[in-house]
Amino acid sequence: MFSSNSNKMLNVVLFGPPGAGKGTQANFLKKKYNLVHISTGDVFRDNIKNQTPLGKLAKSHMDKGSLVPDQLTVDMLASEVLNNSNSLGFIFDGFPRNIYQANALQKLLLKLSAEVNAMIALEVPDSILVERLLNRGKTSGRTDDSNESIIRNRIEVYYKETAVLKSFYLNKGRYYGVSGVGEIDEIKDRLIDVIDSM
């Protein structure tokens, strides 16, 4: 079972390209370790739906077709973390996306006398990702999952964005690559093995 002398929290950055199964696995880990699952997409949607000041600001950028600035993303995530500061830890899904955000997350967790214990990346060959997403597109109605060239572009963007993060966490001895191929339970067991061995 996870135990750490340096802090009481378990904080995991769960990574993987679109279609790797992050959402499914995050749900398992959240229940098993009693963690708070923070998905960037969900945080954005909640803030926009509830018309929070941060949500309104984010929407103004999105309406112009521009990316939400890093600091605004960090502020929204920080609010979620601090609202759950008594939790046993967090699973971060879709965050951080770059070095600026990774450093901001480090500073934020330091306020709670905590740190990122592991960045776990679900590794899946592109051909399987494309197949999974095309299948999801048939049932989910998501247009971005029904066009192979759009899917391949999203996967390419993921690799470009995250290559630098892999190095960031590798240098700290916190990067773990886990095969995301196989049955859902097999993948879940691999993730649990990594966490329990820390």
N, C-alpha and C. Protein backbone atom coordinates (compact mmCIF):
# COMPACT_ATOMS: atom_id res chain seq x y z
N MET A 1 0.85 -1.19 0.00
CA MET A 1 0.00 0.00 0.00
C MET A 1 0.88 1.24 0.00
N PHE A 2 0.38 2.29 -0.64
CA PHE A 2 1.15 3.54 -0.70
C PHE A 2 1.43 4.07 0.70
N SER A 3 2.68 4.43 0.93
CA SER A 3 3.01 5.14 2.16
C SER A 3 4.19 6.05 1.85
N SER A 4 4.21 7.18 2.47
CA SER A 4 5.31 8.12 2.23
C SER A 4 5.68 8.79 3.53
N ASN A 5 6.97 8.84 3.79
CA ASN A 5 7.42 9.50 5.02
C ASN A 5 7.39 11.01 4.87
N SER A 6 7.53 11.48 3.58
CA SER A 6 7.67 12.92 3.38
C SER A 6 6.35 13.66 3.45
N ASN A 7 5.26 13.01 3.11
CA ASN A 7 3.96 13.69 3.21
C ASN A 7 2.84 12.67 3.27
N LYS A 8 1.67 13.16 3.64
CA LYS A 8 0.55 12.24 3.83
C LYS A 8 -0.30 12.10 2.58
N MET A 9 -0.10 12.97 1.61
CA MET A 9 -0.95 12.94 0.42
C MET A 9 -0.36 12.08 -0.68
N LEU A 10 -1.24 11.53 -1.50
CA LEU A 10 -0.84 10.82 -2.72
C LEU A 10 -1.32 11.66 -3.89
N ASN A 11 -0.39 12.17 -4.68
CA ASN A 11 -0.73 13.01 -5.83
C ASN A 11 -0.16 12.42 -7.10
N VAL A 12 -1.05 12.08 -8.02
CA VAL A 12 -0.66 11.41 -9.25
C VAL A 12 -1.10 12.25 -10.45
N VAL A 13 -0.16 12.48 -11.37
CA VAL A 13 -0.49 13.08 -12.66
C VAL A 13 -0.70 11.90 -13.61
N LEU A 14 -1.94 11.74 -14.10
CA LEU A 14 -2.24 10.64 -15.02
C LEU A 14 -2.21 11.17 -16.43
N PHE A 15 -1.34 10.58 -17.24
CA PHE A 15 -1.14 11.09 -18.58
C PHE A 15 -1.38 10.03 -19.63
N GLY A 16 -1.58 10.47 -20.83
CA GLY A 16 -1.76 9.55 -21.94
C GLY A 16 -2.44 10.28 -23.07
N PRO A 17 -2.21 9.82 -24.29
CA PRO A 17 -2.83 10.46 -25.45
C PRO A 17 -4.34 10.25 -25.47
N PRO A 18 -5.06 10.99 -26.32
CA PRO A 18 -6.51 10.79 -26.43
C PRO A 18 -6.79 9.32 -26.74
N GLY A 19 -7.73 8.73 -26.00
CA GLY A 19 -8.08 7.33 -26.25
C GLY A 19 -7.29 6.34 -25.43
N ALA A 20 -6.39 6.84 -24.55
CA ALA A 20 -5.54 5.92 -23.76
C ALA A 20 -6.31 5.29 -22.61
N GLY A 21 -7.46 5.89 -22.25
CA GLY A 21 -8.26 5.32 -21.15
C GLY A 21 -8.06 6.01 -19.82
N LYS A 22 -7.59 7.27 -19.85
CA LYS A 22 -7.31 8.00 -18.60
C LYS A 22 -8.54 8.13 -17.72
N GLY A 23 -9.66 8.53 -18.31
CA GLY A 23 -10.88 8.74 -17.53
C GLY A 23 -11.33 7.49 -16.81
N THR A 24 -11.32 6.38 -17.54
CA THR A 24 -11.74 5.08 -16.97
C THR A 24 -10.84 4.70 -15.80
N GLN A 25 -9.52 4.81 -16.00
CA GLN A 25 -8.57 4.41 -14.96
C GLN A 25 -8.59 5.38 -13.78
N ALA A 26 -8.77 6.67 -14.07
CA ALA A 26 -8.82 7.67 -12.99
C ALA A 26 -9.97 7.35 -12.04
N ASN A 27 -11.10 6.88 -12.58
CA ASN A 27 -12.26 6.53 -11.74
C ASN A 27 -11.93 5.39 -10.79
N PHE A 28 -11.20 4.38 -11.29
CA PHE A 28 -10.79 3.25 -10.43
C PHE A 28 -9.86 3.72 -9.33
N LEU A 29 -8.83 4.48 -9.71
CA LEU A 29 -7.82 4.92 -8.75
C LEU A 29 -8.42 5.85 -7.70
N LYS A 30 -9.33 6.70 -8.15
CA LYS A 30 -10.00 7.64 -7.25
C LYS A 30 -10.70 6.87 -6.12
N LYS A 31 -11.41 5.79 -6.51
CA LYS A 31 -12.14 5.00 -5.51
C LYS A 31 -11.19 4.19 -4.63
N LYS A 32 -10.20 3.58 -5.26
CA LYS A 32 -9.30 2.69 -4.49
C LYS A 32 -8.50 3.46 -3.43
N TYR A 33 -8.00 4.64 -3.81
CA TYR A 33 -7.13 5.39 -2.89
C TYR A 33 -7.84 6.58 -2.24
N ASN A 34 -9.15 6.70 -2.51
CA ASN A 34 -9.95 7.78 -1.93
C ASN A 34 -9.37 9.16 -2.26
N LEU A 35 -9.11 9.38 -3.56
CA LEU A 35 -8.51 10.61 -4.04
C LEU A 35 -9.55 11.51 -4.71
N VAL A 36 -9.20 12.78 -4.88
CA VAL A 36 -10.04 13.72 -5.62
C VAL A 36 -9.53 13.74 -7.06
N HIS A 37 -10.43 13.47 -8.01
CA HIS A 37 -10.06 13.46 -9.43
C HIS A 37 -10.30 14.85 -10.01
N ILE A 38 -9.23 15.48 -10.46
CA ILE A 38 -9.36 16.81 -11.06
C ILE A 38 -9.05 16.71 -12.56
N SER A 39 -10.09 16.86 -13.36
CA SER A 39 -9.95 16.85 -14.82
C SER A 39 -10.05 18.29 -15.31
N THR A 40 -9.03 18.73 -16.04
CA THR A 40 -9.02 20.11 -16.52
C THR A 40 -10.30 20.45 -17.27
N GLY A 41 -10.72 19.54 -18.16
CA GLY A 41 -11.93 19.78 -18.95
C GLY A 41 -13.15 20.00 -18.07
N ASP A 42 -13.31 19.15 -17.04
CA ASP A 42 -14.45 19.28 -16.12
C ASP A 42 -14.40 20.61 -15.35
N VAL A 43 -13.20 20.98 -14.90
CA VAL A 43 -13.05 22.23 -14.14
C VAL A 43 -13.43 23.42 -15.01
N PHE A 44 -12.97 23.41 -16.27
CA PHE A 44 -13.33 24.48 -17.20
C PHE A 44 -14.84 24.55 -17.38
N ARG A 45 -15.44 23.39 -17.67
CA ARG A 45 -16.89 23.36 -17.92
C ARG A 45 -17.68 23.84 -16.71
N ASP A 46 -17.29 23.40 -15.51
CA ASP A 46 -18.00 23.81 -14.28
C ASP A 46 -17.91 25.32 -14.05
N ASN A 47 -16.70 25.87 -14.23
CA ASN A 47 -16.51 27.30 -14.03
C ASN A 47 -17.31 28.12 -15.05
N ILE A 48 -17.35 27.65 -16.28
CA ILE A 48 -18.09 28.37 -17.32
C ILE A 48 -19.59 28.27 -17.07
N LYS A 49 -20.05 27.04 -16.74
CA LYS A 49 -21.49 26.82 -16.49
C LYS A 49 -21.98 27.65 -15.30
N ASN A 50 -21.15 27.70 -14.25
CA ASN A 50 -21.55 28.44 -13.05
C ASN A 50 -21.20 29.92 -13.11
N GLN A 51 -20.66 30.33 -14.26
CA GLN A 51 -20.34 31.74 -14.52
C GLN A 51 -19.50 32.37 -13.40
N THR A 52 -18.49 31.60 -12.95
CA THR A 52 -17.56 32.16 -11.96
C THR A 52 -16.72 33.23 -12.67
N PRO A 53 -16.10 34.14 -11.91
CA PRO A 53 -15.25 35.14 -12.55
C PRO A 53 -14.17 34.50 -13.44
N LEU A 54 -13.55 33.39 -12.95
CA LEU A 54 -12.53 32.70 -13.74
C LEU A 54 -13.16 32.06 -14.98
N GLY A 55 -14.37 31.51 -14.82
CA GLY A 55 -15.07 30.90 -15.94
C GLY A 55 -15.41 31.90 -17.02
N LYS A 56 -15.85 33.07 -16.62
CA LYS A 56 -16.18 34.13 -17.60
C LYS A 56 -14.93 34.56 -18.37
N LEU A 57 -13.83 34.65 -17.63
CA LEU A 57 -12.56 35.03 -18.27
C LEU A 57 -12.12 33.96 -19.26
N ALA A 58 -12.22 32.69 -18.85
CA ALA A 58 -11.84 31.58 -19.74
C ALA A 58 -12.71 31.57 -20.99
N LYS A 59 -14.01 31.78 -20.79
CA LYS A 59 -14.95 31.76 -21.92
C LYS A 59 -14.63 32.88 -22.91
N SER A 60 -14.21 34.03 -22.41
CA SER A 60 -13.89 35.15 -23.31
C SER A 60 -12.72 34.78 -24.24
N HIS A 61 -11.76 34.00 -23.72
CA HIS A 61 -10.65 33.54 -24.56
C HIS A 61 -11.13 32.48 -25.55
N MET A 62 -11.94 31.54 -25.05
CA MET A 62 -12.42 30.44 -25.90
C MET A 62 -13.33 30.96 -27.02
N ASP A 63 -14.14 31.96 -26.70
CA ASP A 63 -15.04 32.53 -27.71
C ASP A 63 -14.27 33.18 -28.86
N LYS A 64 -13.06 33.64 -28.55
CA LYS A 64 -12.22 34.25 -29.60
C LYS A 64 -11.43 33.17 -30.35
N GLY A 65 -11.57 31.92 -29.88
CA GLY A 65 -10.83 30.82 -30.52
C GLY A 65 -9.39 30.73 -30.06
N SER A 66 -9.06 31.45 -28.96
CA SER A 66 -7.68 31.38 -28.47
C SER A 66 -7.60 30.46 -27.26
N LEU A 67 -6.39 29.98 -26.98
CA LEU A 67 -6.19 29.09 -25.84
C LEU A 67 -6.35 29.87 -24.54
N VAL A 68 -6.84 29.18 -23.53
CA VAL A 68 -6.93 29.80 -22.21
C VAL A 68 -5.50 29.94 -21.68
N PRO A 69 -5.11 31.16 -21.24
CA PRO A 69 -3.73 31.35 -20.76
C PRO A 69 -3.39 30.41 -19.60
N ASP A 70 -2.11 30.04 -19.54
CA ASP A 70 -1.64 29.12 -18.50
C ASP A 70 -2.05 29.57 -17.10
N GLN A 71 -1.83 30.85 -16.78
CA GLN A 71 -2.08 31.30 -15.42
C GLN A 71 -3.55 31.17 -15.05
N LEU A 72 -4.43 31.39 -16.01
CA LEU A 72 -5.86 31.26 -15.76
C LEU A 72 -6.22 29.80 -15.49
N THR A 73 -5.62 28.89 -16.27
CA THR A 73 -5.81 27.46 -16.05
C THR A 73 -5.32 27.07 -14.65
N VAL A 74 -4.14 27.56 -14.31
CA VAL A 74 -3.54 27.28 -12.99
C VAL A 74 -4.46 27.79 -11.88
N ASP A 75 -5.00 29.01 -12.05
CA ASP A 75 -5.87 29.61 -11.02
C ASP A 75 -7.12 28.74 -10.78
N MET A 76 -7.69 28.23 -11.89
CA MET A 76 -8.90 27.39 -11.76
C MET A 76 -8.57 26.09 -11.03
N LEU A 77 -7.45 25.48 -11.41
CA LEU A 77 -7.04 24.22 -10.77
C LEU A 77 -6.68 24.45 -9.30
N ALA A 78 -6.01 25.57 -9.02
CA ALA A 78 -5.61 25.89 -7.65
C ALA A 78 -6.83 26.00 -6.75
N SER A 79 -7.88 26.60 -7.27
CA SER A 79 -9.12 26.75 -6.52
C SER A 79 -9.68 25.36 -6.14
N GLU A 80 -9.66 24.41 -7.09
CA GLU A 80 -10.14 23.05 -6.82
C GLU A 80 -9.28 22.36 -5.76
N VAL A 81 -7.97 22.51 -5.89
CA VAL A 81 -7.05 21.86 -4.95
C VAL A 81 -7.25 22.42 -3.54
N LEU A 82 -7.27 23.74 -3.43
CA LEU A 82 -7.39 24.37 -2.10
C LEU A 82 -8.75 24.10 -1.46
N ASN A 83 -9.80 23.94 -2.29
CA ASN A 83 -11.13 23.60 -1.76
C ASN A 83 -11.17 22.17 -1.22
N ASN A 84 -10.19 21.35 -1.64
CA ASN A 84 -10.14 19.94 -1.20
C ASN A 84 -8.84 19.65 -0.45
N SER A 85 -8.33 20.67 0.26
CA SER A 85 -7.01 20.55 0.87
C SER A 85 -6.94 19.50 1.97
N ASN A 86 -8.10 19.06 2.48
CA ASN A 86 -8.08 18.02 3.53
C ASN A 86 -8.16 16.61 2.95
N SER A 87 -8.14 16.50 1.62
CA SER A 87 -8.28 15.17 1.00
C SER A 87 -7.00 14.36 1.16
N LEU A 88 -7.07 13.08 0.80
CA LEU A 88 -5.90 12.20 0.89
C LEU A 88 -4.96 12.39 -0.29
N GLY A 89 -5.42 13.17 -1.29
CA GLY A 89 -4.59 13.42 -2.45
C GLY A 89 -5.42 13.61 -3.70
N PHE A 90 -4.72 13.74 -4.83
CA PHE A 90 -5.38 14.09 -6.08
C PHE A 90 -4.88 13.24 -7.25
N ILE A 91 -5.79 13.04 -8.21
CA ILE A 91 -5.38 12.54 -9.52
C ILE A 91 -5.59 13.70 -10.48
N PHE A 92 -4.52 14.16 -11.10
CA PHE A 92 -4.61 15.25 -12.07
C PHE A 92 -4.68 14.65 -13.47
N ASP A 93 -5.75 14.98 -14.18
CA ASP A 93 -6.02 14.41 -15.50
C ASP A 93 -6.07 15.56 -16.51
N GLY A 94 -5.08 15.61 -17.41
CA GLY A 94 -5.02 16.68 -18.40
C GLY A 94 -4.29 17.91 -17.88
N PHE A 95 -3.60 17.77 -16.78
CA PHE A 95 -2.84 18.87 -16.19
C PHE A 95 -1.68 18.27 -15.41
N PRO A 96 -0.49 18.82 -15.47
CA PRO A 96 -0.09 19.99 -16.27
C PRO A 96 0.13 19.62 -17.73
N ARG A 97 0.12 20.66 -18.60
CA ARG A 97 0.33 20.42 -20.03
C ARG A 97 1.67 20.97 -20.52
N ASN A 98 2.33 21.73 -19.68
CA ASN A 98 3.64 22.29 -20.07
C ASN A 98 4.45 22.57 -18.80
N ILE A 99 5.69 23.03 -18.98
CA ILE A 99 6.59 23.23 -17.84
C ILE A 99 6.08 24.33 -16.91
N TYR A 100 5.51 25.38 -17.48
CA TYR A 100 4.96 26.47 -16.65
C TYR A 100 3.93 25.90 -15.68
N GLN A 101 3.02 25.08 -16.21
CA GLN A 101 1.96 24.50 -15.37
C GLN A 101 2.54 23.49 -14.38
N ALA A 102 3.57 22.75 -14.79
CA ALA A 102 4.19 21.76 -13.89
C ALA A 102 4.85 22.45 -12.70
N ASN A 103 5.53 23.57 -12.97
CA ASN A 103 6.15 24.33 -11.88
C ASN A 103 5.10 24.95 -10.96
N ALA A 104 4.00 25.43 -11.57
CA ALA A 104 2.91 26.02 -10.78
C ALA A 104 2.27 24.97 -9.88
N LEU A 105 2.11 23.75 -10.40
CA LEU A 105 1.53 22.66 -9.61
C LEU A 105 2.45 22.31 -8.43
N GLN A 106 3.75 22.31 -8.69
CA GLN A 106 4.72 22.01 -7.64
C GLN A 106 4.60 23.04 -6.50
N LYS A 107 4.51 24.32 -6.88
CA LYS A 107 4.39 25.39 -5.87
C LYS A 107 3.08 25.28 -5.09
N LEU A 108 2.01 24.95 -5.82
CA LEU A 108 0.70 24.83 -5.20
C LEU A 108 0.68 23.70 -4.17
N LEU A 109 1.23 22.55 -4.53
CA LEU A 109 1.25 21.41 -3.61
C LEU A 109 2.17 21.65 -2.42
N LEU A 110 3.21 22.43 -2.63
CA LEU A 110 4.11 22.77 -1.52
C LEU A 110 3.36 23.51 -0.40
N LYS A 111 2.36 24.30 -0.80
CA LYS A 111 1.54 25.00 0.20
C LYS A 111 0.83 24.01 1.11
N LEU A 112 0.59 22.80 0.60
CA LEU A 112 -0.08 21.75 1.38
C LEU A 112 0.94 20.77 1.94
N SER A 113 2.22 21.15 1.90
CA SER A 113 3.33 20.27 2.31
C SER A 113 3.27 18.94 1.56
N ALA A 114 2.97 19.03 0.27
CA ALA A 114 2.84 17.82 -0.56
C ALA A 114 3.62 18.01 -1.86
N GLU A 115 3.59 16.99 -2.69
CA GLU A 115 4.30 17.02 -3.97
C GLU A 115 3.64 16.05 -4.93
N VAL A 116 4.06 16.08 -6.20
CA VAL A 116 3.61 15.07 -7.16
C VAL A 116 4.44 13.81 -6.88
N ASN A 117 3.74 12.74 -6.51
CA ASN A 117 4.45 11.49 -6.21
C ASN A 117 4.82 10.73 -7.48
N ALA A 118 3.96 10.86 -8.51
CA ALA A 118 4.22 10.13 -9.75
C ALA A 118 3.49 10.76 -10.92
N MET A 119 4.17 10.77 -12.06
CA MET A 119 3.49 11.02 -13.33
C MET A 119 3.42 9.66 -14.00
N ILE A 120 2.21 9.14 -14.15
CA ILE A 120 2.03 7.83 -14.76
C ILE A 120 1.44 8.04 -16.15
N ALA A 121 2.17 7.59 -17.16
CA ALA A 121 1.71 7.76 -18.55
C ALA A 121 1.23 6.42 -19.09
N LEU A 122 -0.01 6.42 -19.58
CA LEU A 122 -0.55 5.23 -20.25
C LEU A 122 -0.01 5.24 -21.68
N GLU A 123 0.75 4.21 -22.01
CA GLU A 123 1.38 4.15 -23.33
C GLU A 123 0.63 3.18 -24.23
N VAL A 124 0.15 3.71 -25.36
CA VAL A 124 -0.68 2.92 -26.29
C VAL A 124 -0.23 3.24 -27.72
N PRO A 125 0.02 2.22 -28.55
CA PRO A 125 0.41 2.49 -29.94
C PRO A 125 -0.67 3.30 -30.68
N ASP A 126 -0.20 4.17 -31.59
CA ASP A 126 -1.13 5.06 -32.31
C ASP A 126 -2.25 4.29 -33.01
N SER A 127 -1.91 3.15 -33.60
CA SER A 127 -2.93 2.40 -34.37
C SER A 127 -4.10 1.99 -33.46
N ILE A 128 -3.80 1.61 -32.22
CA ILE A 128 -4.85 1.20 -31.28
C ILE A 128 -5.64 2.43 -30.82
N LEU A 129 -4.94 3.56 -30.60
CA LEU A 129 -5.63 4.79 -30.20
C LEU A 129 -6.65 5.20 -31.26
N VAL A 130 -6.22 5.18 -32.52
CA VAL A 130 -7.10 5.59 -33.62
C VAL A 130 -8.33 4.68 -33.67
N GLU A 131 -8.08 3.39 -33.53
CA GLU A 131 -9.18 2.41 -33.56
C GLU A 131 -10.17 2.67 -32.41
N ARG A 132 -9.62 2.87 -31.20
CA ARG A 132 -10.47 3.12 -30.02
C ARG A 132 -11.32 4.38 -30.21
N LEU A 133 -10.67 5.45 -30.70
CA LEU A 133 -11.38 6.73 -30.83
C LEU A 133 -12.44 6.68 -31.93
N LEU A 134 -12.14 5.98 -33.02
CA LEU A 134 -13.14 5.84 -34.09
C LEU A 134 -14.34 5.06 -33.57
N ASN A 135 -14.08 4.03 -32.76
CA ASN A 135 -15.18 3.26 -32.16
C ASN A 135 -15.98 4.13 -31.20
N ARG A 136 -15.27 4.95 -30.40
CA ARG A 136 -15.95 5.84 -29.46
C ARG A 136 -16.80 6.85 -30.23
N GLY A 137 -16.27 7.31 -31.37
CA GLY A 137 -16.99 8.29 -32.18
C GLY A 137 -18.34 7.76 -32.67
N LYS A 138 -18.40 6.45 -32.90
CA LYS A 138 -19.65 5.84 -33.38
C LYS A 138 -20.73 5.86 -32.31
N THR A 139 -20.32 5.80 -31.04
CA THR A 139 -21.31 5.71 -29.96
C THR A 139 -21.49 7.02 -29.20
N SER A 140 -20.43 7.88 -29.19
CA SER A 140 -20.50 9.08 -28.34
C SER A 140 -21.09 10.29 -29.05
N GLY A 141 -21.08 10.25 -30.39
CA GLY A 141 -21.57 11.40 -31.14
C GLY A 141 -20.56 12.54 -31.18
N ARG A 142 -19.35 12.32 -30.66
CA ARG A 142 -18.33 13.37 -30.70
C ARG A 142 -17.72 13.45 -32.09
N THR A 143 -17.84 14.60 -32.71
CA THR A 143 -17.36 14.73 -34.08
C THR A 143 -15.84 14.60 -34.17
N ASP A 144 -15.13 15.02 -33.09
CA ASP A 144 -13.66 14.93 -33.14
C ASP A 144 -13.16 13.49 -33.02
N ASP A 145 -14.08 12.56 -32.74
CA ASP A 145 -13.71 11.14 -32.66
C ASP A 145 -14.14 10.36 -33.90
N SER A 146 -14.63 11.04 -34.92
CA SER A 146 -15.11 10.28 -36.08
C SER A 146 -14.30 10.55 -37.34
N ASN A 147 -13.27 11.39 -37.22
CA ASN A 147 -12.44 11.73 -38.38
C ASN A 147 -10.99 11.33 -38.09
N GLU A 148 -10.49 10.37 -38.87
CA GLU A 148 -9.16 9.82 -38.56
C GLU A 148 -8.05 10.86 -38.63
N SER A 149 -8.11 11.79 -39.58
CA SER A 149 -7.03 12.78 -39.68
C SER A 149 -7.05 13.74 -38.48
N ILE A 150 -8.25 14.08 -37.99
CA ILE A 150 -8.36 14.93 -36.79
C ILE A 150 -7.80 14.18 -35.58
N ILE A 151 -8.14 12.88 -35.49
CA ILE A 151 -7.66 12.05 -34.38
C ILE A 151 -6.13 11.99 -34.39
N ARG A 152 -5.55 11.73 -35.57
CA ARG A 152 -4.08 11.62 -35.66
C ARG A 152 -3.42 12.95 -35.32
N ASN A 153 -4.06 14.05 -35.69
CA ASN A 153 -3.52 15.37 -35.37
C ASN A 153 -3.54 15.60 -33.85
N ARG A 154 -4.64 15.21 -33.18
CA ARG A 154 -4.73 15.36 -31.72
C ARG A 154 -3.64 14.54 -31.02
N ILE A 155 -3.38 13.34 -31.53
CA ILE A 155 -2.35 12.48 -30.94
C ILE A 155 -0.97 13.13 -31.12
N GLU A 156 -0.74 13.69 -32.32
CA GLU A 156 0.53 14.35 -32.62
C GLU A 156 0.75 15.55 -31.70
N VAL A 157 -0.29 16.34 -31.49
CA VAL A 157 -0.21 17.51 -30.60
C VAL A 157 0.13 17.06 -29.18
N TYR A 158 -0.49 15.96 -28.75
CA TYR A 158 -0.22 15.42 -27.41
C TYR A 158 1.28 15.11 -27.26
N TYR A 159 1.86 14.42 -28.25
CA TYR A 159 3.28 14.05 -28.14
C TYR A 159 4.17 15.28 -28.13
N LYS A 160 3.84 16.26 -28.96
CA LYS A 160 4.66 17.49 -29.01
C LYS A 160 4.59 18.22 -27.68
N GLU A 161 3.38 18.34 -27.13
CA GLU A 161 3.17 19.08 -25.88
C GLU A 161 3.84 18.39 -24.69
N THR A 162 3.76 17.07 -24.66
CA THR A 162 4.11 16.38 -23.42
C THR A 162 5.52 15.80 -23.38
N ALA A 163 6.23 15.79 -24.50
CA ALA A 163 7.58 15.22 -24.50
C ALA A 163 8.44 15.91 -23.44
N VAL A 164 8.30 17.23 -23.33
CA VAL A 164 9.09 18.01 -22.39
C VAL A 164 8.70 17.69 -20.93
N LEU A 165 7.43 17.35 -20.71
CA LEU A 165 6.97 16.99 -19.36
C LEU A 165 7.52 15.64 -18.93
N LYS A 166 7.64 14.74 -19.90
CA LYS A 166 8.22 13.43 -19.60
C LYS A 166 9.63 13.62 -19.03
N SER A 167 10.42 14.49 -19.69
CA SER A 167 11.79 14.77 -19.21
C SER A 167 11.76 15.42 -17.84
N PHE A 168 10.83 16.35 -17.63
CA PHE A 168 10.70 17.09 -16.36
C PHE A 168 10.52 16.10 -15.20
N TYR A 169 9.60 15.14 -15.37
CA TYR A 169 9.33 14.19 -14.28
C TYR A 169 10.36 13.06 -14.23
N LEU A 170 10.94 12.71 -15.38
CA LEU A 170 12.02 11.71 -15.39
C LEU A 170 13.19 12.21 -14.56
N ASN A 171 13.53 13.49 -14.74
CA ASN A 171 14.66 14.08 -14.00
C ASN A 171 14.43 14.08 -12.50
N LYS A 172 13.16 14.06 -12.09
CA LYS A 172 12.84 14.03 -10.65
C LYS A 172 12.66 12.58 -10.16
N GLY A 173 12.81 11.62 -11.09
CA GLY A 173 12.60 10.21 -10.72
C GLY A 173 11.14 9.89 -10.44
N ARG A 174 10.24 10.64 -11.08
CA ARG A 174 8.80 10.48 -10.80
C ARG A 174 8.01 9.99 -12.01
N TYR A 175 8.68 9.67 -13.11
CA TYR A 175 7.96 9.27 -14.34
C TYR A 175 7.84 7.76 -14.41
N TYR A 176 6.62 7.29 -14.68
CA TYR A 176 6.37 5.85 -14.84
C TYR A 176 5.55 5.64 -16.10
N GLY A 177 6.10 4.86 -17.03
CA GLY A 177 5.34 4.50 -18.23
C GLY A 177 4.68 3.16 -18.00
N VAL A 178 3.38 3.09 -18.29
CA VAL A 178 2.61 1.86 -18.08
C VAL A 178 1.88 1.52 -19.37
N SER A 179 1.93 0.26 -19.78
CA SER A 179 1.22 -0.14 -20.99
C SER A 179 -0.28 0.02 -20.80
N GLY A 180 -0.90 0.76 -21.73
CA GLY A 180 -2.34 0.96 -21.69
C GLY A 180 -3.07 0.03 -22.65
N VAL A 181 -2.41 -1.08 -23.02
CA VAL A 181 -3.01 -2.06 -23.93
C VAL A 181 -3.45 -3.28 -23.13
N GLY A 182 -4.64 -3.79 -23.45
CA GLY A 182 -5.16 -4.98 -22.77
C GLY A 182 -6.51 -4.71 -22.17
N GLU A 183 -6.96 -5.65 -21.33
CA GLU A 183 -8.26 -5.48 -20.68
C GLU A 183 -8.17 -4.37 -19.63
N ILE A 184 -9.30 -3.72 -19.38
CA ILE A 184 -9.35 -2.61 -18.42
C ILE A 184 -8.78 -3.02 -17.07
N ASP A 185 -9.14 -4.22 -16.60
CA ASP A 185 -8.66 -4.69 -15.28
C ASP A 185 -7.15 -4.94 -15.27
N GLU A 186 -6.62 -5.41 -16.40
CA GLU A 186 -5.16 -5.64 -16.48
C GLU A 186 -4.41 -4.30 -16.35
N ILE A 187 -4.92 -3.29 -17.03
CA ILE A 187 -4.29 -1.96 -17.00
C ILE A 187 -4.39 -1.38 -15.59
N LYS A 188 -5.57 -1.55 -14.99
CA LYS A 188 -5.79 -1.07 -13.62
C LYS A 188 -4.77 -1.70 -12.67
N ASP A 189 -4.55 -3.01 -12.80
CA ASP A 189 -3.60 -3.71 -11.92
C ASP A 189 -2.18 -3.18 -12.10
N ARG A 190 -1.81 -2.84 -13.36
CA ARG A 190 -0.46 -2.29 -13.60
C ARG A 190 -0.30 -0.95 -12.89
N LEU A 191 -1.35 -0.12 -12.94
CA LEU A 191 -1.29 1.19 -12.28
C LEU A 191 -1.19 1.04 -10.77
N ILE A 192 -1.96 0.11 -10.23
CA ILE A 192 -1.95 -0.14 -8.77
C ILE A 192 -0.56 -0.64 -8.34
N ASP A 193 0.05 -1.50 -9.16
CA ASP A 193 1.40 -2.00 -8.86
C ASP A 193 2.40 -0.84 -8.75
N VAL A 194 2.30 0.12 -9.67
CA VAL A 194 3.22 1.27 -9.65
C VAL A 194 3.02 2.08 -8.38
N ILE A 195 1.75 2.40 -8.07
CA ILE A 195 1.47 3.23 -6.90
C ILE A 195 1.86 2.52 -5.61
N ASP A 196 1.53 1.23 -5.52
CA ASP A 196 1.83 0.49 -4.28
C ASP A 196 3.33 0.25 -4.08
N SER A 197 4.10 0.38 -5.16
CA SER A 197 5.55 0.15 -5.03
C SER A 197 6.30 1.42 -4.65
N MET A 198 5.58 2.56 -4.58
CA MET A 198 6.26 3.83 -4.28
C MET A 198 6.55 3.98 -2.79
